[in-house]
Amino acid sequence: VYDTFMDNAPYAKWADFLAGRLKKEGIRDGLVLDLGCG
């Protein structure tokens, strides 16, 4: 039921921040580890 109760979590906003920061640091592709990915 985790995804049901987390349906209001701003996942897209979090992913946008992470990707934006990665790209700002020159990491536009390649291997990325999601630790504690749920």
Full PDB file with SEQRES, HELIX, SHEET, SSBOND, CRYST1, ORIGX, SCALE, CONECT and MASTER records, all heavy atoms in Angstrom:
SEQRES   1 A   38  VAL TYR ASP THR PHE MET ASP ASN ALA PRO TYR ALA LYS          
SEQRES   2 A   38  TRP ALA ASP PHE LEU ALA GLY ARG LEU LYS LYS GLU GLY          
SEQRES   3 A   38  ILE ARG ASP GLY LEU VAL LEU ASP LEU GLY CYS GLY              
HELIX    1 AA1 TYR A    2  PHE A    5  1                                   4    
HELIX    2 AA2 TYR A   11  LYS A   24  1                                  14    
CRYST1    1.000    1.000    1.000  90.00  90.00  90.00 P 1           1          
ORIGX1      1.000000  0.000000  0.000000        0.00000                         
ORIGX2      0.000000  1.000000  0.000000        0.00000                         
ORIGX3      0.000000  0.000000  1.000000        0.00000                         
SCALE1      1.000000  0.000000  0.000000        0.00000                         
SCALE2      0.000000  1.000000  0.000000        0.00000                         
SCALE3      0.000000  0.000000  1.000000        0.00000                         
ATOM      1  N   VAL A   1       0.824  -1.213   0.000  1.00  0.00           N  
ATOM      2  CA  VAL A   1       0.000   0.000   0.000  1.00  0.00           C  
ATOM      3  C   VAL A   1       0.859   1.265   0.000  1.00  0.00           C  
ATOM      4  O   VAL A   1       0.328   2.376   0.059  1.00  0.00           O  
ATOM      5  CB  VAL A   1      -0.964   0.026   1.210  1.00  0.00           C  
ATOM      6  CG1 VAL A   1      -1.977  -1.099   1.109  1.00  0.00           C  
ATOM      7  CG2 VAL A   1      -0.195  -0.057   2.526  1.00  0.00           C  
ATOM      8  N   TYR A   2       2.174   1.103  -0.060  1.00  0.00           N  
ATOM      9  CA  TYR A   2       3.077   2.253   0.019  1.00  0.00           C  
ATOM     10  C   TYR A   2       2.778   3.280  -1.069  1.00  0.00           C  
ATOM     11  O   TYR A   2       2.640   4.472  -0.792  1.00  0.00           O  
ATOM     12  CB  TYR A   2       4.526   1.776  -0.084  1.00  0.00           C  
ATOM     13  CG  TYR A   2       5.544   2.893  -0.021  1.00  0.00           C  
ATOM     14  CD1 TYR A   2       5.952   3.412   1.205  1.00  0.00           C  
ATOM     15  CD2 TYR A   2       6.100   3.429  -1.184  1.00  0.00           C  
ATOM     16  CE1 TYR A   2       6.884   4.440   1.268  1.00  0.00           C  
ATOM     17  CE2 TYR A   2       7.036   4.453  -1.128  1.00  0.00           C  
ATOM     18  CZ  TYR A   2       7.421   4.948   0.096  1.00  0.00           C  
ATOM     19  OH  TYR A   2       8.342   5.967   0.144  1.00  0.00           O  
ATOM     20  N   ASP A   3       2.675   2.836  -2.308  1.00  0.00           N  
ATOM     21  CA  ASP A   3       2.431   3.778  -3.407  1.00  0.00           C  
ATOM     22  C   ASP A   3       1.066   4.451  -3.282  1.00  0.00           C  
ATOM     23  O   ASP A   3       0.900   5.615  -3.670  1.00  0.00           O  
ATOM     24  CB  ASP A   3       2.538   3.064  -4.758  1.00  0.00           C  
ATOM     25  CG  ASP A   3       3.988   2.828  -5.167  1.00  0.00           C  
ATOM     26  OD1 ASP A   3       4.881   3.502  -4.612  1.00  0.00           O  
ATOM     27  OD2 ASP A   3       4.228   1.974  -6.034  1.00  0.00           O  
ATOM     28  N   THR A   4       0.092   3.745  -2.729  1.00  0.00           N  
ATOM     29  CA  THR A   4      -1.240   4.334  -2.540  1.00  0.00           C  
ATOM     30  C   THR A   4      -1.175   5.527  -1.598  1.00  0.00           C  
ATOM     31  O   THR A   4      -1.711   6.605  -1.882  1.00  0.00           O  
ATOM     32  CB  THR A   4      -2.216   3.290  -1.982  1.00  0.00           C  
ATOM     33  OG1 THR A   4      -2.350   2.216  -2.912  1.00  0.00           O  
ATOM     34  CG2 THR A   4      -3.594   3.901  -1.723  1.00  0.00           C  
ATOM     35  N   PHE A   5      -0.503   5.345  -0.475  1.00  0.00           N  
ATOM     36  CA  PHE A   5      -0.456   6.406   0.522  1.00  0.00           C  
ATOM     37  C   PHE A   5       0.590   7.472   0.208  1.00  0.00           C  
ATOM     38  O   PHE A   5       0.604   8.531   0.838  1.00  0.00           O  
ATOM     39  CB  PHE A   5      -0.215   5.817   1.908  1.00  0.00           C  
ATOM     40  CG  PHE A   5      -1.387   5.029   2.430  1.00  0.00           C  
ATOM     41  CD1 PHE A   5      -1.237   3.717   2.833  1.00  0.00           C  
ATOM     42  CD2 PHE A   5      -2.645   5.593   2.503  1.00  0.00           C  
ATOM     43  CE1 PHE A   5      -2.306   2.986   3.302  1.00  0.00           C  
ATOM     44  CE2 PHE A   5      -3.741   4.873   2.970  1.00  0.00           C  
ATOM     45  CZ  PHE A   5      -3.571   3.557   3.374  1.00  0.00           C  
ATOM     46  N   MET A   6       1.458   7.205  -0.766  1.00  0.00           N  
ATOM     47  CA  MET A   6       2.464   8.194  -1.174  1.00  0.00           C  
ATOM     48  C   MET A   6       2.088   8.870  -2.491  1.00  0.00           C  
ATOM     49  O   MET A   6       2.940   9.508  -3.120  1.00  0.00           O  
ATOM     50  CB  MET A   6       3.826   7.508  -1.319  1.00  0.00           C  
ATOM     51  CG  MET A   6       4.460   7.115   0.001  1.00  0.00           C  
ATOM     52  SD  MET A   6       5.022   8.536   0.978  1.00  0.00           S  
ATOM     53  CE  MET A   6       6.469   9.025   0.026  1.00  0.00           C  
ATOM     54  N   ASP A   7       0.824   8.760  -2.907  1.00  0.00           N  
ATOM     55  CA  ASP A   7       0.440   9.291  -4.217  1.00  0.00           C  
ATOM     56  C   ASP A   7       0.451  10.816  -4.264  1.00  0.00           C  
ATOM     57  O   ASP A   7       0.368  11.412  -5.344  1.00  0.00           O  
ATOM     58  CB  ASP A   7      -0.928   8.753  -4.655  1.00  0.00           C  
ATOM     59  CG  ASP A   7      -2.060   9.110  -3.691  1.00  0.00           C  
ATOM     60  OD1 ASP A   7      -1.801   9.793  -2.680  1.00  0.00           O  
ATOM     61  OD2 ASP A   7      -3.204   8.691  -3.953  1.00  0.00           O  
ATOM     62  N   ASN A   8       0.573  11.463  -3.106  1.00  0.00           N  
ATOM     63  CA  ASN A   8       0.674  12.937  -3.103  1.00  0.00           C  
ATOM     64  C   ASN A   8       2.113  13.413  -2.932  1.00  0.00           C  
ATOM     65  O   ASN A   8       2.367  14.618  -2.847  1.00  0.00           O  
ATOM     66  CB  ASN A   8      -0.195  13.527  -1.988  1.00  0.00           C  
ATOM     67  CG  ASN A   8       0.236  13.054  -0.604  1.00  0.00           C  
ATOM     68  OD1 ASN A   8       1.002  12.094  -0.488  1.00  0.00           O  
ATOM     69  ND2 ASN A   8      -0.268  13.705   0.438  1.00  0.00           N  
ATOM     70  N   ALA A   9       3.070  12.491  -2.892  1.00  0.00           N  
ATOM     71  CA  ALA A   9       4.474  12.882  -2.769  1.00  0.00           C  
ATOM     72  C   ALA A   9       4.949  13.505  -4.084  1.00  0.00           C  
ATOM     73  O   ALA A   9       4.604  13.015  -5.164  1.00  0.00           O  
ATOM     74  CB  ALA A   9       5.333  11.666  -2.427  1.00  0.00           C  
ATOM     75  N   PRO A  10       5.744  14.562  -4.024  1.00  0.00           N  
ATOM     76  CA  PRO A  10       6.162  15.276  -5.244  1.00  0.00           C  
ATOM     77  C   PRO A  10       7.332  14.593  -5.948  1.00  0.00           C  
ATOM     78  O   PRO A  10       8.409  15.166  -6.120  1.00  0.00           O  
ATOM     79  CB  PRO A  10       6.548  16.653  -4.711  1.00  0.00           C  
ATOM     80  CG  PRO A  10       7.055  16.385  -3.327  1.00  0.00           C  
ATOM     81  CD  PRO A  10       6.196  15.253  -2.798  1.00  0.00           C  
ATOM     82  N   TYR A  11       7.131  13.354  -6.372  1.00  0.00           N  
ATOM     83  CA  TYR A  11       8.211  12.591  -6.993  1.00  0.00           C  
ATOM     84  C   TYR A  11       8.776  13.297  -8.226  1.00  0.00           C  
ATOM     85  O   TYR A  11       9.994  13.321  -8.432  1.00  0.00           O  
ATOM     86  CB  TYR A  11       7.714  11.202  -7.393  1.00  0.00           C  
ATOM     87  CG  TYR A  11       7.518  10.247  -6.239  1.00  0.00           C  
ATOM     88  CD1 TYR A  11       6.256   9.731  -5.948  1.00  0.00           C  
ATOM     89  CD2 TYR A  11       8.584   9.842  -5.449  1.00  0.00           C  
ATOM     90  CE1 TYR A  11       6.073   8.847  -4.899  1.00  0.00           C  
ATOM     91  CE2 TYR A  11       8.406   8.959  -4.402  1.00  0.00           C  
ATOM     92  CZ  TYR A  11       7.146   8.458  -4.129  1.00  0.00           C  
ATOM     93  OH  TYR A  11       6.967   7.580  -3.094  1.00  0.00           O  
ATOM     94  N   ALA A  12       7.884  13.843  -9.060  1.00  0.00           N  
ATOM     95  CA  ALA A  12       8.351  14.502 -10.281  1.00  0.00           C  
ATOM     96  C   ALA A  12       9.233  15.702  -9.940  1.00  0.00           C  
ATOM     97  O   ALA A  12      10.266  15.941 -10.582  1.00  0.00           O  
ATOM     98  CB  ALA A  12       7.164  14.942 -11.136  1.00  0.00           C  
ATOM     99  N   LYS A  13       8.848  16.449  -8.904  1.00  0.00           N  
ATOM    100  CA  LYS A  13       9.636  17.599  -8.467  1.00  0.00           C  
ATOM    101  C   LYS A  13      11.005  17.143  -7.961  1.00  0.00           C  
ATOM    102  O   LYS A  13      12.032  17.755  -8.267  1.00  0.00           O  
ATOM    103  CB  LYS A  13       8.887  18.359  -7.371  1.00  0.00           C  
ATOM    104  CG  LYS A  13       9.627  19.564  -6.832  1.00  0.00           C  
ATOM    105  CD  LYS A  13       8.809  20.260  -5.733  1.00  0.00           C  
ATOM    106  CE  LYS A  13       9.568  21.436  -5.140  1.00  0.00           C  
ATOM    107  NZ  LYS A  13       8.779  22.097  -4.050  1.00  0.00           N  
ATOM    108  N   TRP A  14      11.024  16.062  -7.192  1.00  0.00           N  
ATOM    109  CA  TRP A  14      12.300  15.541  -6.689  1.00  0.00           C  
ATOM    110  C   TRP A  14      13.199  15.105  -7.840  1.00  0.00           C  
ATOM    111  O   TRP A  14      14.383  15.414  -7.866  1.00  0.00           O  
ATOM    112  CB  TRP A  14      12.048  14.357  -5.759  1.00  0.00           C  
ATOM    113  CG  TRP A  14      11.329  14.707  -4.491  1.00  0.00           C  
ATOM    114  CD1 TRP A  14      11.180  15.943  -3.934  1.00  0.00           C  
ATOM    115  CD2 TRP A  14      10.647  13.796  -3.615  1.00  0.00           C  
ATOM    116  NE1 TRP A  14      10.450  15.873  -2.770  1.00  0.00           N  
ATOM    117  CE2 TRP A  14      10.103  14.575  -2.548  1.00  0.00           C  
ATOM    118  CE3 TRP A  14      10.431  12.428  -3.615  1.00  0.00           C  
ATOM    119  CZ2 TRP A  14       9.383  13.996  -1.505  1.00  0.00           C  
ATOM    120  CZ3 TRP A  14       9.713  11.852  -2.574  1.00  0.00           C  
ATOM    121  CH2 TRP A  14       9.194  12.631  -1.536  1.00  0.00           C  
ATOM    122  N   ALA A  15      12.607  14.380  -8.790  1.00  0.00           N  
ATOM    123  CA  ALA A  15      13.400  13.895  -9.929  1.00  0.00           C  
ATOM    124  C   ALA A  15      13.913  15.052 -10.771  1.00  0.00           C  
ATOM    125  O   ALA A  15      15.044  15.013 -11.274  1.00  0.00           O  
ATOM    126  CB  ALA A  15      12.562  12.941 -10.779  1.00  0.00           C  
ATOM    127  N   ASP A  16      13.101  16.083 -10.936  1.00  0.00           N  
ATOM    128  CA  ASP A  16      13.541  17.259 -11.695  1.00  0.00           C  
ATOM    129  C   ASP A  16      14.730  17.930 -11.011  1.00  0.00           C  
ATOM    130  O   ASP A  16      15.686  18.360 -11.668  1.00  0.00           O  
ATOM    131  CB  ASP A  16      12.399  18.266 -11.840  1.00  0.00           C  
ATOM    132  CG  ASP A  16      11.347  17.827 -12.848  1.00  0.00           C  
ATOM    133  OD1 ASP A  16      11.624  16.906 -13.644  1.00  0.00           O  
ATOM    134  OD2 ASP A  16      10.245  18.408 -12.837  1.00  0.00           O  
ATOM    135  N   PHE A  17      14.666  18.032  -9.687  1.00  0.00           N  
ATOM    136  CA  PHE A  17      15.781  18.635  -8.955  1.00  0.00           C  
ATOM    137  C   PHE A  17      17.047  17.804  -9.124  1.00  0.00           C  
ATOM    138  O   PHE A  17      18.126  18.337  -9.415  1.00  0.00           O  
ATOM    139  CB  PHE A  17      15.456  18.763  -7.473  1.00  0.00           C  
ATOM    140  CG  PHE A  17      16.668  19.100  -6.636  1.00  0.00           C  
ATOM    141  CD1 PHE A  17      17.180  20.390  -6.611  1.00  0.00           C  
ATOM    142  CD2 PHE A  17      17.318  18.113  -5.907  1.00  0.00           C  
ATOM    143  CE1 PHE A  17      18.309  20.702  -5.866  1.00  0.00           C  
ATOM    144  CE2 PHE A  17      18.450  18.411  -5.158  1.00  0.00           C  
ATOM    145  CZ  PHE A  17      18.946  19.704  -5.133  1.00  0.00           C  
ATOM    146  N   LEU A  18      16.918  16.492  -8.942  1.00  0.00           N  
ATOM    147  CA  LEU A  18      18.084  15.623  -9.039  1.00  0.00           C  
ATOM    148  C   LEU A  18      18.702  15.689 -10.434  1.00  0.00           C  
ATOM    149  O   LEU A  18      19.922  15.861 -10.583  1.00  0.00           O  
ATOM    150  CB  LEU A  18      17.696  14.181  -8.707  1.00  0.00           C  
ATOM    151  CG  LEU A  18      17.252  13.922  -7.265  1.00  0.00           C  
ATOM    152  CD1 LEU A  18      16.713  12.495  -7.134  1.00  0.00           C  
ATOM    153  CD2 LEU A  18      18.391  14.152  -6.284  1.00  0.00           C  
ATOM    154  N   ALA A  19      17.859  15.550 -11.459  1.00  0.00           N  
ATOM    155  CA  ALA A  19      18.368  15.579 -12.834  1.00  0.00           C  
ATOM    156  C   ALA A  19      18.955  16.942 -13.169  1.00  0.00           C  
ATOM    157  O   ALA A  19      20.001  17.043 -13.829  1.00  0.00           O  
ATOM    158  CB  ALA A  19      17.259  15.219 -13.812  1.00  0.00           C  
ATOM    159  N   GLY A  20      18.305  18.000 -12.703  1.00  0.00           N  
ATOM    160  CA  GLY A  20      18.813  19.341 -12.967  1.00  0.00           C  
ATOM    161  C   GLY A  20      20.169  19.561 -12.334  1.00  0.00           C  
ATOM    162  O   GLY A  20      21.057  20.165 -12.941  1.00  0.00           O  
ATOM    163  N   ARG A  21      20.326  19.064 -11.124  1.00  0.00           N  
ATOM    164  CA  ARG A  21      21.605  19.236 -10.451  1.00  0.00           C  
ATOM    165  C   ARG A  21      22.694  18.382 -11.102  1.00  0.00           C  
ATOM    166  O   ARG A  21      23.845  18.817 -11.254  1.00  0.00           O  
ATOM    167  CB  ARG A  21      21.457  18.855  -8.975  1.00  0.00           C  
ATOM    168  CG  ARG A  21      22.690  19.180  -8.152  1.00  0.00           C  
ATOM    169  CD  ARG A  21      22.878  20.689  -8.071  1.00  0.00           C  
ATOM    170  NE  ARG A  21      24.191  21.034  -7.545  1.00  0.00           N  
ATOM    171  CZ  ARG A  21      24.405  22.035  -6.707  1.00  0.00           C  
ATOM    172  NH1 ARG A  21      23.391  22.769  -6.296  1.00  0.00           N  
ATOM    173  NH2 ARG A  21      25.613  22.294  -6.281  1.00  0.00           N  
ATOM    174  N   LEU A  22      22.328  17.156 -11.485  1.00  0.00           N  
ATOM    175  CA  LEU A  22      23.293  16.296 -12.166  1.00  0.00           C  
ATOM    176  C   LEU A  22      23.777  16.948 -13.464  1.00  0.00           C  
ATOM    177  O   LEU A  22      24.980  16.972 -13.748  1.00  0.00           O  
ATOM    178  CB  LEU A  22      22.670  14.934 -12.457  1.00  0.00           C  
ATOM    179  CG  LEU A  22      22.412  14.027 -11.249  1.00  0.00           C  
ATOM    180  CD1 LEU A  22      21.624  12.783 -11.687  1.00  0.00           C  
ATOM    181  CD2 LEU A  22      23.708  13.616 -10.574  1.00  0.00           C  
ATOM    182  N   LYS A  23      22.846  17.475 -14.228  1.00  0.00           N  
ATOM    183  CA  LYS A  23      23.210  18.091 -15.501  1.00  0.00           C  
ATOM    184  C   LYS A  23      24.033  19.353 -15.286  1.00  0.00           C  
ATOM    185  O   LYS A  23      24.955  19.654 -16.051  1.00  0.00           O  
ATOM    186  CB  LYS A  23      21.955  18.383 -16.315  1.00  0.00           C  
ATOM    187  CG  LYS A  23      21.276  17.104 -16.819  1.00  0.00           C  
ATOM    188  CD  LYS A  23      19.971  17.375 -17.525  1.00  0.00           C  
ATOM    189  CE  LYS A  23      19.344  16.062 -18.006  1.00  0.00           C  
ATOM    190  NZ  LYS A  23      18.022  16.275 -18.640  1.00  0.00           N  
ATOM    191  N   LYS A  24      23.711  20.098 -14.235  1.00  0.00           N  
ATOM    192  CA  LYS A  24      24.489  21.292 -13.906  1.00  0.00           C  
ATOM    193  C   LYS A  24      25.942  20.934 -13.622  1.00  0.00           C  
ATOM    194  O   LYS A  24      26.865  21.703 -13.925  1.00  0.00           O  
ATOM    195  CB  LYS A  24      23.878  21.987 -12.689  1.00  0.00           C  
ATOM    196  CG  LYS A  24      24.613  23.250 -12.261  1.00  0.00           C  
ATOM    197  CD  LYS A  24      23.950  23.870 -11.035  1.00  0.00           C  
ATOM    198  CE  LYS A  24      24.710  25.114 -10.579  1.00  0.00           C  
ATOM    199  NZ  LYS A  24      24.074  25.723  -9.368  1.00  0.00           N  
ATOM    200  N   GLU A  25      26.148  19.743 -13.074  1.00  0.00           N  
ATOM    201  CA  GLU A  25      27.502  19.276 -12.758  1.00  0.00           C  
ATOM    202  C   GLU A  25      28.114  18.479 -13.908  1.00  0.00           C  
ATOM    203  O   GLU A  25      29.161  17.848 -13.739  1.00  0.00           O  
ATOM    204  CB  GLU A  25      27.465  18.415 -11.493  1.00  0.00           C  
ATOM    205  CG  GLU A  25      26.917  19.116 -10.267  1.00  0.00           C  
ATOM    206  CD  GLU A  25      27.807  20.238  -9.777  1.00  0.00           C  
ATOM    207  OE1 GLU A  25      29.012  20.222 -10.103  1.00  0.00           O  
ATOM    208  OE2 GLU A  25      27.306  21.132  -9.068  1.00  0.00           O  
ATOM    209  N   GLY A  26      27.456  18.501 -15.067  1.00  0.00           N  
ATOM    210  CA  GLY A  26      28.011  17.849 -16.252  1.00  0.00           C  
ATOM    211  C   GLY A  26      27.683  16.383 -16.392  1.00  0.00           C  
ATOM    212  O   GLY A  26      28.228  15.690 -17.262  1.00  0.00           O  
ATOM    213  N   ILE A  27      26.781  15.869 -15.550  1.00  0.00           N  
ATOM    214  CA  ILE A  27      26.397  14.455 -15.618  1.00  0.00           C  
ATOM    215  C   ILE A  27      25.049  14.371 -16.328  1.00  0.00           C  
ATOM    216  O   ILE A  27      23.991  14.524 -15.708  1.00  0.00           O  
ATOM    217  CB  ILE A  27      26.333  13.831 -14.211  1.00  0.00           C  
ATOM    218  CG1 ILE A  27      27.677  13.991 -13.505  1.00  0.00           C  
ATOM    219  CG2 ILE A  27      25.938  12.353 -14.289  1.00  0.00           C  
ATOM    220  CD1 ILE A  27      27.680  13.545 -12.055  1.00  0.00           C  
ATOM    221  N   ARG A  28      25.088  14.160 -17.621  1.00  0.00           N  
ATOM    222  CA  ARG A  28      23.872  14.145 -18.435  1.00  0.00           C  
ATOM    223  C   ARG A  28      23.412  12.740 -18.803  1.00  0.00           C  
ATOM    224  O   ARG A  28      22.313  12.560 -19.317  1.00  0.00           O  
ATOM    225  CB  ARG A  28      24.092  14.968 -19.708  1.00  0.00           C  
ATOM    226  CG  ARG A  28      24.398  16.431 -19.412  1.00  0.00           C  
ATOM    227  CD  ARG A  28      24.579  17.262 -20.672  1.00  0.00           C  
ATOM    228  NE  ARG A  28      24.758  18.658 -20.334  1.00  0.00           N  
ATOM    229  CZ  ARG A  28      23.750  19.512 -20.113  1.00  0.00           C  
ATOM    230  NH1 ARG A  28      22.505  19.091 -20.206  1.00  0.00           N  
ATOM    231  NH2 ARG A  28      24.009  20.775 -19.802  1.00  0.00           N  
ATOM    232  N   ASP A  29      24.250  11.751 -18.550  1.00  0.00           N  
ATOM    233  CA  ASP A  29      23.897  10.368 -18.848  1.00  0.00           C  
ATOM    234  C   ASP A  29      24.815   9.469 -18.031  1.00  0.00           C  
ATOM    235  O   ASP A  29      25.532   9.934 -17.151  1.00  0.00           O  
ATOM    236  CB  ASP A  29      24.021  10.069 -20.349  1.00  0.00           C  
ATOM    237  CG  ASP A  29      25.394  10.436 -20.908  1.00  0.00           C  
ATOM    238  OD1 ASP A  29      26.352  10.541 -20.116  1.00  0.00           O  
ATOM    239  OD2 ASP A  29      25.512  10.618 -22.131  1.00  0.00           O  
ATOM    240  N   GLY A  30      24.786   8.165 -18.321  1.00  0.00           N  
ATOM    241  CA  GLY A  30      25.657   7.236 -17.624  1.00  0.00           C  
ATOM    242  C   GLY A  30      24.963   6.574 -16.451  1.00  0.00           C  
ATOM    243  O   GLY A  30      23.780   6.778 -16.184  1.00  0.00           O  
ATOM    244  N   LEU A  31      25.736   5.759 -15.722  1.00  0.00           N  
ATOM    245  CA  LEU A  31      25.207   4.985 -14.606  1.00  0.00           C  
ATOM    246  C   LEU A  31      24.961   5.857 -13.378  1.00  0.00           C  
ATOM    247  O   LEU A  31      25.833   6.629 -12.958  1.00  0.00           O  
ATOM    248  CB  LEU A  31      26.175   3.867 -14.234  1.00  0.00           C  
ATOM    249  CG  LEU A  31      26.150   2.592 -15.083  1.00  0.00           C  
ATOM    250  CD1 LEU A  31      27.313   1.680 -14.683  1.00  0.00           C  
ATOM    251  CD2 LEU A  31      24.826   1.857 -14.908  1.00  0.00           C  
ATOM    252  N   VAL A  32      23.760   5.704 -12.811  1.00  0.00           N  
ATOM    253  CA  VAL A  32      23.404   6.403 -11.572  1.00  0.00           C  
ATOM    254  C   VAL A  32      22.761   5.383 -10.632  1.00  0.00           C  
ATOM    255  O   VAL A  32      21.900   4.601 -11.043  1.00  0.00           O  
ATOM    256  CB  VAL A  32      22.428   7.564 -11.836  1.00  0.00           C  
ATOM    257  CG1 VAL A  32      21.928   8.166 -10.522  1.00  0.00           C  
ATOM    258  CG2 VAL A  32      23.092   8.640 -12.689  1.00  0.00           C  
ATOM    259  N   LEU A  33      23.180   5.390  -9.393  1.00  0.00           N  
ATOM    260  CA  LEU A  33      22.632   4.497  -8.372  1.00  0.00           C  
ATOM    261  C   LEU A  33      21.602   5.227  -7.541  1.00  0.00           C  
ATOM    262  O   LEU A  33      21.865   6.313  -7.024  1.00  0.00           O  
ATOM    263  CB  LEU A  33      23.764   3.995  -7.468  1.00  0.00           C  
ATOM    264  CG  LEU A  33      23.342   3.264  -6.186  1.00  0.00           C  
ATOM    265  CD1 LEU A  33      22.612   1.971  -6.509  1.00  0.00           C  
ATOM    266  CD2 LEU A  33      24.549   3.008  -5.291  1.00  0.00           C  
ATOM    267  N   ASP A  34      20.417   4.613  -7.396  1.00  0.00           N  
ATOM    268  CA  ASP A  34      19.383   5.111  -6.487  1.00  0.00           C  
ATOM    269  C   ASP A  34      19.430   4.235  -5.241  1.00  0.00           C  
ATOM    270  O   ASP A  34      18.992   3.085  -5.264  1.00  0.00           O  
ATOM    271  CB  ASP A  34      18.014   5.050  -7.161  1.00  0.00           C  
ATOM    272  CG  ASP A  34      16.915   5.692  -6.315  1.00  0.00           C  
ATOM    273  OD1 ASP A  34      17.216   6.184  -5.211  1.00  0.00           O  
ATOM    274  OD2 ASP A  34      15.748   5.687  -6.760  1.00  0.00           O  
ATOM    275  N   LEU A  35      19.956   4.782  -4.159  1.00  0.00           N  
ATOM    276  CA  LEU A  35      20.169   4.036  -2.924  1.00  0.00           C  
ATOM    277  C   LEU A  35      18.939   4.177  -2.031  1.00  0.00           C  
ATOM    278  O   LEU A  35      18.517   5.279  -1.713  1.00  0.00           O  
ATOM    279  CB  LEU A  35      21.410   4.597  -2.224  1.00  0.00           C  
ATOM    280  CG  LEU A  35      22.117   3.749  -1.174  1.00  0.00           C  
ATOM    281  CD1 LEU A  35      22.546   2.403  -1.722  1.00  0.00           C  
ATOM    282  CD2 LEU A  35      23.323   4.517  -0.639  1.00  0.00           C  
ATOM    283  N   GLY A  36      18.360   3.047  -1.619  1.00  0.00           N  
ATOM    284  CA  GLY A  36      17.097   3.087  -0.893  1.00  0.00           C  
ATOM    285  C   GLY A  36      15.965   3.434  -1.838  1.00  0.00           C  
ATOM    286  O   GLY A  36      15.137   4.299  -1.558  1.00  0.00           O  
ATOM    287  N   CYS A  37      15.911   2.724  -2.964  1.00  0.00           N  
ATOM    288  CA  CYS A  37      15.013   3.100  -4.069  1.00  0.00           C  
ATOM    289  C   CYS A  37      13.547   2.775  -3.819  1.00  0.00           C  
ATOM    290  O   CYS A  37      12.670   3.267  -4.529  1.00  0.00           O  
ATOM    291  CB  CYS A  37      15.463   2.419  -5.363  1.00  0.00           C  
ATOM    292  SG  CYS A  37      15.309   0.609  -5.345  1.00  0.00           S  
ATOM    293  N   GLY A  38      13.236   1.949  -2.817  1.00  0.00           N  
ATOM    294  CA  GLY A  38      11.841   1.619  -2.541  1.00  0.00           C  
ATOM    295  C   GLY A  38      11.152   0.962  -3.713  1.00  0.00           C  
ATOM    296  O   GLY A  38      11.676   0.021  -4.315  1.00  0.00           O  
TER     297      GLY A  38                                                      
MASTER        0    0    0    2    0    0    0    6  296    1    0    3          
END                                                                             
